[in-house]
Amino acid sequence: MEIGVDAALASRVSAAMQRNSRFVERVFTPAEREECAGRPQRWASRWAAKEAVRKLAGARGESPLPAWREIEVLSGGGAPTVRVRGVTGTVALSLTHEGDLAVAVAVSAQPAAGAPARVPAGLRLPDRPPTGNKGTFGTVVVLAGSHAYSGAAYLCAMGAARGGAGLVRACVPRSLHPAMAVKCTEVMPHGLPDGDAGVIGEAAVEVLVRDHLPAAAALVAGPGLGRDPATGAALDRLLGELRCPTVLDADALNLVAAAGLRPARAGQPVVVTPHPAEMGRLADLDTAGVQADRLGVARGYAVREGVVVVLKGAGTVVAAADGRAFTHPHPGVVALASGGTGDVLAGLCGAMLAARLDAFDAAVAAVCIHAEAGLLVEAVRGRAGALAGDLLEVLPAAQERLRVAVEAAG
């Protein structure tokens, strides 16, 4: 087990604060400054904690080490919690003090970054060259949301962003735009014409095709779209005018199944990401029939429609039209059994496509990163009560753990 230990004298920390007026601002976050004000031992314990966390990061092989203000230690009158680079739950911390001396011990609360739980054979991840820029990693356009399902659009867009897309455009019905504009700071929300109905119709698709798809390296369509007839007609038109690799998820799949649409008729690579019930609608089977032959059903639909299928569930199956198939080796991550995690996966798959992986490799990469993130969440949160937002927080760490292991394997 990796460990980081540090000790600090309250008198020396206080002297440093007096010598350098900028010391506190450079080292401590605003919340830490408020919690420690007037308490020399707290300043010392926070300093020791930050150094212990940095030593732990060094033991785990992280580079660069987190800066002081990237580590936030708060107690709120109880046990200390640690946020490292915006993520909580990765470090367990013990603080103690006696007189002038403060001591901190930091240990990993989850597996080390270089030791992923499982690296499936054949996994490919997109290159992340050090000279890359946001253009290198592509723009993902997300078409999602309706008056009843604004959260799905956010989770999908952030799944793409946390998956490494250079830019993300979240295209939603115009009546949802104010909420998305407040919620989103790292992705770009765009309101599409909706006639105040709160659903995507053909006017919205016209704007999407004209103004947004020309810039897209990948499109993700479906999370939270709803099943309004106007949306079905709009999706039919969109599928005939696809200009880039596309992920179809959630209600887009329900609309495809209901109208018998051909998802890949425009000749672009298409990834569909059904759960078992949605797969049943697409393949005209009941859910039990899908579960009885997950690989066979996924492969049959992939070959018939010329798409890549991601059949979600314990042991997620990825099947391609050329016969390639992959089954994730982990038997199940129950922390992922929560609303919204599929929206995150759809966005993540879009990021892999935007990074120029082919559709099958992109789907496999997204499934593996998603499962690895689920394992990280489960290790911290437990098997019940995890939320899709928790998954977003650890997607970068999950991808990095897999990347390090793949590179180490040569």
Protein backbone atom coordinates (compact mmCIF):
# COMPACT_ATOMS: atom_id res chain seq x y z
CA MET A 1 0.00 0.00 0.00
CA GLU A 2 1.30 3.46 -0.89
CA ILE A 3 1.60 5.91 1.99
CA GLY A 4 2.62 9.53 2.55
CA VAL A 5 3.63 10.94 5.96
CA ASP A 6 4.59 14.46 6.97
CA ALA A 7 4.98 16.49 10.14
CA ALA A 8 4.93 20.26 10.68
CA LEU A 9 5.48 22.64 13.59
CA ALA A 10 2.71 25.17 14.12
CA SER A 11 5.31 27.79 15.14
CA ARG A 12 7.24 27.39 11.87
CA VAL A 13 4.10 27.57 9.73
CA SER A 14 2.98 30.70 11.61
CA ALA A 15 6.41 32.26 11.07
CA ALA A 16 6.21 31.52 7.34
CA MET A 17 2.79 33.20 7.21
CA GLN A 18 4.20 36.30 8.90
CA ARG A 19 7.29 36.49 6.66
CA ASN A 20 5.41 36.13 3.38
CA SER A 21 2.03 37.79 3.01
CA ARG A 22 1.26 35.64 -0.05
CA PHE A 23 2.07 32.31 1.60
CA VAL A 24 -1.48 31.63 2.74
CA GLU A 25 -3.00 32.59 -0.61
CA ARG A 26 -0.54 30.43 -2.56
CA VAL A 27 -0.94 27.33 -0.38
CA PHE A 28 -4.47 27.23 1.04
CA THR A 29 -7.89 27.33 -0.64
CA PRO A 30 -10.51 29.90 0.47
CA ALA A 31 -12.46 27.21 2.34
CA GLU A 32 -9.31 26.09 4.17
CA ARG A 33 -8.47 29.69 5.09
CA GLU A 34 -11.93 30.15 6.57
CA GLU A 35 -11.73 26.91 8.55
CA CYS A 36 -8.19 27.54 9.87
CA ALA A 37 -8.42 31.27 10.70
CA GLY A 38 -6.95 32.00 14.13
CA ARG A 39 -5.97 28.37 14.81
CA PRO A 40 -2.20 27.81 14.37
CA GLN A 41 -2.45 24.04 14.83
CA ARG A 42 -5.00 23.78 12.01
CA TRP A 43 -2.71 25.68 9.64
CA ALA A 44 0.09 23.26 10.55
CA SER A 45 -2.06 20.14 10.16
CA ARG A 46 -3.30 21.29 6.73
CA TRP A 47 0.26 21.98 5.60
CA ALA A 48 1.39 18.55 6.81
CA ALA A 49 -1.63 16.96 5.11
CA LYS A 50 -0.85 18.58 1.76
CA GLU A 51 2.76 17.43 1.93
CA ALA A 52 1.65 13.90 2.90
CA VAL A 53 -0.73 13.78 -0.07
CA ARG A 54 2.05 14.97 -2.40
CA LYS A 55 4.35 12.25 -1.06
CA LEU A 56 1.60 9.69 -1.59
CA ALA A 57 1.17 10.93 -5.17
CA GLY A 58 4.90 10.49 -5.71
CA ALA A 59 4.74 6.94 -4.35
CA ARG A 60 1.89 6.21 -6.77
CA GLY A 61 3.97 7.43 -9.71
CA GLU A 62 1.84 10.48 -10.49
CA SER A 63 3.44 13.23 -12.55
CA PRO A 64 3.23 16.12 -12.14
CA LEU A 65 2.50 16.12 -8.43
CA PRO A 66 -0.63 18.00 -7.37
CA ALA A 67 0.00 21.64 -6.46
CA TRP A 68 -0.78 22.80 -2.93
CA ARG A 69 -4.06 24.46 -3.87
CA GLU A 70 -5.06 21.40 -5.90
CA ILE A 71 -5.23 19.61 -2.54
CA GLU A 72 -8.02 20.75 -0.21
CA VAL A 73 -8.34 19.38 3.32
CA LEU A 74 -11.48 20.19 5.31
CA SER A 75 -12.90 18.74 8.48
CA GLY A 76 -16.11 20.65 9.19
CA GLY A 77 -15.69 19.67 12.82
CA GLY A 78 -15.48 15.94 11.97
CA ALA A 79 -13.20 13.52 10.16
CA PRO A 80 -11.03 15.20 7.51
CA THR A 81 -11.95 14.90 3.85
CA VAL A 82 -9.51 15.40 0.99
CA ARG A 83 -10.20 16.73 -2.49
CA VAL A 84 -7.35 16.23 -4.95
CA ARG A 85 -7.62 17.97 -8.32
CA GLY A 86 -11.36 18.28 -7.81
CA VAL A 87 -11.93 14.62 -6.88
CA THR A 88 -12.85 13.36 -3.43
CA GLY A 89 -12.52 9.83 -2.13
CA THR A 90 -9.11 8.93 -3.60
CA VAL A 91 -7.15 9.56 -0.38
CA ALA A 92 -7.79 8.55 3.22
CA LEU A 93 -6.20 10.91 5.73
CA SER A 94 -5.38 10.81 9.44
CA LEU A 95 -4.42 14.00 11.28
CA THR A 96 -3.13 14.40 14.82
CA HIS A 97 -1.35 17.06 16.82
CA GLU A 98 0.37 17.34 20.16
CA GLY A 99 1.49 20.75 21.37
CA ASP A 100 3.38 22.44 18.55
CA LEU A 101 3.60 19.32 16.38
CA ALA A 102 1.09 18.26 13.70
CA VAL A 103 1.36 14.90 11.90
CA ALA A 104 -0.51 13.72 8.77
CA VAL A 105 -0.70 10.25 7.26
CA ALA A 106 -2.21 9.81 3.77
CA VAL A 107 -3.00 6.45 2.16
CA SER A 108 -4.70 5.44 -1.07
CA ALA A 109 -8.45 4.95 -0.77
CA GLN A 110 -8.52 3.15 -4.13
CA PRO A 111 -6.04 1.21 -6.26
CA ALA A 112 -2.96 3.10 -7.41
CA ALA A 113 -3.04 4.91 -10.76
CA GLY A 114 -0.61 2.44 -12.31
CA ALA A 115 -2.48 -0.72 -11.25
CA PRO A 116 -5.86 -0.93 -12.96
CA ALA A 117 -8.20 -3.66 -11.84
CA ARG A 118 -8.35 -5.25 -15.29
CA VAL A 119 -6.94 -4.48 -18.74
CA PRO A 120 -8.78 -6.49 -21.41
CA ALA A 121 -6.73 -7.87 -24.28
CA GLY A 122 -6.99 -5.83 -27.45
CA LEU A 123 -7.93 -2.57 -25.75
CA ARG A 124 -6.87 0.47 -27.78
CA LEU A 125 -6.96 4.00 -26.40
CA PRO A 126 -6.63 7.21 -28.41
CA ASP A 127 -3.27 8.94 -28.55
CA ARG A 128 -2.76 11.94 -26.26
CA PRO A 129 0.34 13.61 -27.76
CA PRO A 130 1.92 16.27 -25.53
CA THR A 131 1.79 18.73 -28.44
CA GLY A 132 -1.96 18.21 -28.92
CA ASN A 133 -4.55 20.94 -28.65
CA LYS A 134 -8.33 21.01 -28.49
CA GLY A 135 -8.52 20.60 -32.24
CA THR A 136 -6.40 17.46 -32.03
CA PHE A 137 -8.98 15.72 -29.87
CA GLY A 138 -12.04 16.66 -31.89
CA THR A 139 -15.43 18.26 -31.37
CA VAL A 140 -18.33 16.17 -30.10
CA VAL A 141 -21.84 17.44 -30.87
CA VAL A 142 -24.51 16.15 -28.50
CA LEU A 143 -28.18 16.18 -29.50
CA ALA A 144 -30.10 15.46 -26.33
CA GLY A 145 -32.73 16.55 -23.84
CA SER A 146 -36.40 17.40 -23.79
CA HIS A 147 -38.67 19.23 -21.37
CA ALA A 148 -38.75 16.21 -19.04
CA TYR A 149 -35.13 15.08 -19.31
CA SER A 150 -32.66 17.95 -19.14
CA GLY A 151 -30.23 16.04 -16.91
CA ALA A 152 -29.50 13.45 -19.59
CA ALA A 153 -28.11 16.12 -21.91
CA TYR A 154 -25.76 17.39 -19.22
CA LEU A 155 -24.48 13.92 -18.27
CA CYS A 156 -23.89 12.96 -21.89
CA ALA A 157 -22.08 16.19 -22.73
CA MET A 158 -19.90 15.95 -19.64
CA GLY A 159 -19.18 12.29 -20.38
CA ALA A 160 -17.72 13.45 -23.70
CA ALA A 161 -15.76 16.25 -22.02
CA ARG A 162 -14.40 14.01 -19.26
CA GLY A 163 -13.61 11.41 -21.91
CA GLY A 164 -11.12 13.79 -23.52
CA ALA A 165 -12.99 15.56 -26.32
CA GLY A 166 -11.36 18.85 -27.28
CA LEU A 167 -14.70 20.65 -27.55
CA VAL A 168 -18.29 19.66 -26.78
CA ARG A 169 -21.40 21.33 -28.16
CA ALA A 170 -24.54 20.42 -26.21
CA CYS A 171 -27.47 21.02 -28.56
CA VAL A 172 -30.80 21.01 -26.72
CA PRO A 173 -34.33 22.35 -27.28
CA ARG A 174 -34.20 26.12 -26.93
CA SER A 175 -36.46 26.14 -23.88
CA LEU A 176 -33.84 24.05 -22.05
CA HIS A 177 -30.97 26.36 -22.96
CA PRO A 178 -31.15 28.66 -19.90
CA ALA A 179 -30.82 25.72 -17.52
CA MET A 180 -27.99 24.21 -19.55
CA ALA A 181 -26.17 27.54 -19.74
CA VAL A 182 -26.19 27.76 -15.95
CA LYS A 183 -25.23 24.11 -15.46
CA CYS A 184 -22.48 23.93 -18.09
CA THR A 185 -19.21 25.81 -17.86
CA GLU A 186 -16.84 23.44 -19.65
CA VAL A 187 -19.13 22.54 -22.57
CA MET A 188 -20.94 24.86 -24.98
CA PRO A 189 -24.75 24.73 -24.78
CA HIS A 190 -26.72 25.67 -27.89
CA GLY A 191 -30.48 26.10 -28.05
CA LEU A 192 -32.22 24.65 -31.12
CA PRO A 193 -35.65 25.84 -32.33
CA ASP A 194 -38.42 24.01 -30.45
CA GLY A 195 -41.50 26.25 -30.78
CA ASP A 196 -41.59 26.36 -26.95
CA ALA A 197 -42.60 22.69 -26.98
CA GLY A 198 -39.41 21.52 -25.27
CA VAL A 199 -38.72 18.78 -27.82
CA ILE A 200 -36.51 18.34 -30.88
CA GLY A 201 -38.32 18.63 -34.21
CA GLU A 202 -37.34 19.01 -37.86
CA ALA A 203 -36.55 22.73 -37.52
CA ALA A 204 -34.01 21.82 -34.84
CA VAL A 205 -32.40 19.20 -37.06
CA GLU A 206 -32.16 21.69 -39.92
CA VAL A 207 -30.14 24.05 -37.69
CA LEU A 208 -28.09 21.16 -36.31
CA VAL A 209 -27.13 19.93 -39.78
CA ARG A 210 -26.39 23.44 -41.08
CA ASP A 211 -24.60 25.03 -38.12
CA HIS A 212 -23.13 22.27 -35.96
CA LEU A 213 -22.45 19.05 -37.84
CA PRO A 214 -19.86 20.65 -40.17
CA ALA A 215 -17.61 21.11 -37.12
CA ALA A 216 -18.31 17.70 -35.59
CA ALA A 217 -15.81 14.87 -35.39
CA ALA A 218 -18.57 12.82 -33.76
CA LEU A 219 -22.28 13.13 -32.98
CA VAL A 220 -24.10 11.64 -29.99
CA ALA A 221 -27.89 11.63 -30.26
CA GLY A 222 -30.61 10.31 -28.02
CA PRO A 223 -30.19 10.82 -24.26
CA GLY A 224 -33.36 12.37 -22.89
CA LEU A 225 -34.84 13.16 -26.33
CA GLY A 226 -38.25 11.72 -25.45
CA ARG A 227 -40.55 9.96 -27.89
CA ASP A 228 -42.62 12.81 -29.29
CA PRO A 229 -43.76 12.11 -32.90
CA ALA A 230 -42.04 15.31 -34.01
CA THR A 231 -38.76 13.99 -32.62
CA GLY A 232 -39.22 10.71 -34.48
CA ALA A 233 -39.64 12.55 -37.77
CA ALA A 234 -36.63 14.73 -36.98
CA LEU A 235 -34.47 11.69 -36.21
CA ASP A 236 -35.51 10.08 -39.50
CA ARG A 237 -34.29 13.14 -41.36
CA LEU A 238 -31.07 13.31 -39.33
CA LEU A 239 -30.16 9.70 -40.05
CA GLY A 240 -30.34 10.46 -43.75
CA GLU A 241 -27.96 13.41 -43.40
CA LEU A 242 -25.26 12.14 -41.03
CA ARG A 243 -21.83 13.58 -41.81
CA CYS A 244 -19.67 12.04 -39.10
CA PRO A 245 -19.39 8.93 -36.89
CA THR A 246 -22.45 8.81 -34.64
CA VAL A 247 -23.58 7.27 -31.36
CA LEU A 248 -27.30 6.53 -30.96
CA ASP A 249 -28.50 6.00 -27.41
CA ALA A 250 -31.64 5.85 -25.27
CA ASP A 251 -34.70 7.44 -26.89
CA ALA A 252 -33.02 7.60 -30.29
CA LEU A 253 -33.01 3.79 -30.19
CA ASN A 254 -36.64 3.63 -29.09
CA LEU A 255 -37.60 5.88 -31.99
CA VAL A 256 -35.52 3.81 -34.42
CA ALA A 257 -37.24 0.64 -33.23
CA ALA A 258 -40.74 2.11 -33.30
CA ALA A 259 -40.44 3.39 -36.88
CA GLY A 260 -38.16 0.67 -38.27
CA LEU A 261 -35.48 3.22 -39.20
CA ARG A 262 -32.12 2.21 -40.68
CA PRO A 263 -29.49 3.82 -38.45
CA ALA A 264 -26.53 3.55 -40.84
CA ARG A 265 -28.22 4.41 -44.12
CA ALA A 266 -26.12 7.57 -44.65
CA GLY A 267 -22.94 5.51 -44.83
CA GLN A 268 -21.35 6.89 -41.66
CA PRO A 269 -20.07 4.63 -38.84
CA VAL A 270 -22.83 4.25 -36.22
CA VAL A 271 -22.58 2.88 -32.68
CA VAL A 272 -25.82 1.94 -30.92
CA THR A 273 -25.78 1.56 -27.13
CA PRO A 274 -28.94 -0.27 -25.98
CA HIS A 275 -29.70 -1.78 -22.61
CA PRO A 276 -31.37 -5.23 -22.87
CA ALA A 277 -34.93 -3.89 -23.14
CA GLU A 278 -33.93 -1.45 -25.91
CA MET A 279 -32.04 -4.23 -27.67
CA GLY A 280 -35.21 -6.28 -27.54
CA ARG A 281 -37.17 -3.51 -29.25
CA LEU A 282 -34.53 -3.20 -31.96
CA ALA A 283 -34.34 -6.96 -32.55
CA ASP A 284 -38.06 -7.66 -32.03
CA LEU A 285 -37.40 -9.89 -29.01
CA ASP A 286 -38.43 -9.81 -25.39
CA THR A 287 -35.81 -8.92 -22.80
CA ALA A 288 -35.46 -12.52 -21.66
CA GLY A 289 -34.66 -13.55 -25.21
CA VAL A 290 -31.93 -10.94 -25.41
CA GLN A 291 -30.40 -11.99 -22.11
CA ALA A 292 -30.45 -15.65 -23.12
CA ASP A 293 -28.09 -14.97 -26.05
CA ARG A 294 -26.50 -11.57 -25.54
CA LEU A 295 -23.60 -12.06 -27.93
CA GLY A 296 -25.72 -13.70 -30.64
CA VAL A 297 -28.42 -11.03 -30.54
CA ALA A 298 -25.92 -8.15 -30.53
CA ARG A 299 -23.91 -9.67 -33.37
CA GLY A 300 -27.01 -10.44 -35.41
CA TYR A 301 -28.27 -6.86 -35.25
CA ALA A 302 -24.79 -5.45 -35.93
CA VAL A 303 -24.41 -7.55 -39.09
CA ARG A 304 -27.93 -6.88 -40.32
CA GLU A 305 -27.81 -3.11 -39.85
CA GLY A 306 -24.11 -2.47 -40.47
CA VAL A 307 -23.50 -0.89 -37.06
CA VAL A 308 -21.50 -1.47 -33.90
CA VAL A 309 -23.67 -2.63 -30.99
CA VAL A 310 -22.84 -1.97 -27.34
CA LEU A 311 -25.24 -4.20 -25.41
CA LYS A 312 -25.03 -2.88 -21.87
CA GLY A 313 -25.34 -4.94 -18.72
CA ALA A 314 -23.18 -7.30 -16.65
CA GLY A 315 -20.50 -8.41 -19.10
CA THR A 316 -21.18 -5.68 -21.68
CA VAL A 317 -21.00 -6.99 -25.26
CA VAL A 318 -19.57 -5.03 -28.21
CA ALA A 319 -20.29 -6.47 -31.67
CA ALA A 320 -19.33 -5.16 -35.12
CA ALA A 321 -20.83 -5.77 -38.55
CA ASP A 322 -17.62 -7.50 -39.68
CA GLY A 323 -17.98 -10.17 -36.99
CA ARG A 324 -15.60 -8.76 -34.40
CA ALA A 325 -16.90 -9.10 -30.87
CA PHE A 326 -15.78 -8.23 -27.35
CA THR A 327 -17.24 -9.07 -23.97
CA HIS A 328 -15.99 -7.09 -20.99
CA PRO A 329 -14.39 -9.57 -18.61
CA HIS A 330 -15.68 -8.07 -15.39
CA PRO A 331 -18.89 -9.86 -14.41
CA GLY A 332 -20.62 -6.67 -13.35
CA VAL A 333 -20.18 -3.30 -11.64
CA VAL A 334 -23.32 -2.78 -9.62
CA ALA A 335 -22.40 0.84 -8.86
CA LEU A 336 -23.27 1.51 -12.52
CA ALA A 337 -26.86 0.35 -11.95
CA SER A 338 -28.09 3.92 -11.56
CA GLY A 339 -29.97 6.30 -13.83
CA GLY A 340 -27.75 8.44 -16.02
CA THR A 341 -24.68 6.23 -16.19
CA GLY A 342 -25.68 5.15 -19.71
CA ASP A 343 -25.82 8.81 -20.76
CA VAL A 344 -22.25 9.18 -19.52
CA LEU A 345 -21.21 6.10 -21.54
CA ALA A 346 -22.78 7.51 -24.72
CA GLY A 347 -20.84 10.76 -24.34
CA LEU A 348 -17.65 8.87 -23.56
CA CYS A 349 -18.08 6.81 -26.72
CA GLY A 350 -18.49 10.04 -28.67
CA ALA A 351 -15.16 11.27 -27.30
CA MET A 352 -13.44 8.07 -28.43
CA LEU A 353 -14.89 8.48 -31.94
CA ALA A 354 -13.84 12.14 -32.03
CA ALA A 355 -10.29 11.01 -31.20
CA ARG A 356 -10.38 9.02 -34.47
CA LEU A 357 -10.63 5.48 -33.19
CA ASP A 358 -12.66 3.29 -35.50
CA ALA A 359 -16.19 2.59 -34.29
CA PHE A 360 -15.48 -0.85 -32.81
CA ASP A 361 -12.30 0.23 -31.00
CA ALA A 362 -14.03 3.40 -29.79
CA ALA A 363 -16.88 1.38 -28.34
CA VAL A 364 -14.53 -1.08 -26.61
CA ALA A 365 -12.45 1.76 -25.17
CA ALA A 366 -15.54 3.56 -23.87
CA VAL A 367 -16.89 0.37 -22.26
CA CYS A 368 -13.56 -0.35 -20.54
CA ILE A 369 -13.07 3.18 -19.25
CA HIS A 370 -16.69 3.32 -18.08
CA ALA A 371 -16.35 0.02 -16.19
CA GLU A 372 -13.03 1.06 -14.66
CA ALA A 373 -14.61 4.31 -13.48
CA GLY A 374 -17.48 2.32 -12.01
CA LEU A 375 -15.01 0.20 -10.05
CA LEU A 376 -13.34 3.35 -8.70
CA VAL A 377 -16.69 4.77 -7.64
CA GLU A 378 -17.67 1.47 -6.05
CA ALA A 379 -14.41 1.34 -4.09
CA VAL A 380 -15.14 4.74 -2.57
CA ARG A 381 -18.95 4.95 -2.41
CA GLY A 382 -19.85 1.31 -2.00
CA ARG A 383 -22.18 -0.80 -4.11
CA ALA A 384 -25.35 1.22 -3.44
CA GLY A 385 -26.11 4.89 -3.82
CA ALA A 386 -23.52 5.89 -6.42
CA LEU A 387 -24.69 8.53 -8.89
CA ALA A 388 -23.85 9.21 -12.50
CA GLY A 389 -22.21 12.46 -11.42
CA ASP A 390 -19.78 10.45 -9.29
CA LEU A 391 -18.76 8.62 -12.44
CA LEU A 392 -17.94 11.86 -14.22
CA GLU A 393 -15.49 12.81 -11.48
CA VAL A 394 -13.33 9.71 -11.94
CA LEU A 395 -13.42 9.20 -15.72
CA PRO A 396 -10.06 10.94 -16.23
CA ALA A 397 -8.38 8.79 -13.56
CA ALA A 398 -9.95 5.63 -14.97
CA GLN A 399 -8.69 6.36 -18.48
CA GLU A 400 -5.23 7.22 -17.19
CA ARG A 401 -4.97 4.00 -15.18
CA LEU A 402 -5.82 1.95 -18.26
CA ARG A 403 -3.49 4.01 -20.44
CA VAL A 404 -0.53 3.49 -18.10
CA ALA A 405 -1.17 -0.25 -17.98
CA VAL A 406 -1.56 -0.56 -21.78
CA GLU A 407 1.67 1.38 -22.33
CA ALA A 408 3.48 -0.76 -19.76
CA ALA A 409 2.33 -3.91 -21.54
CA GLY A 410 3.88 -2.61 -24.75
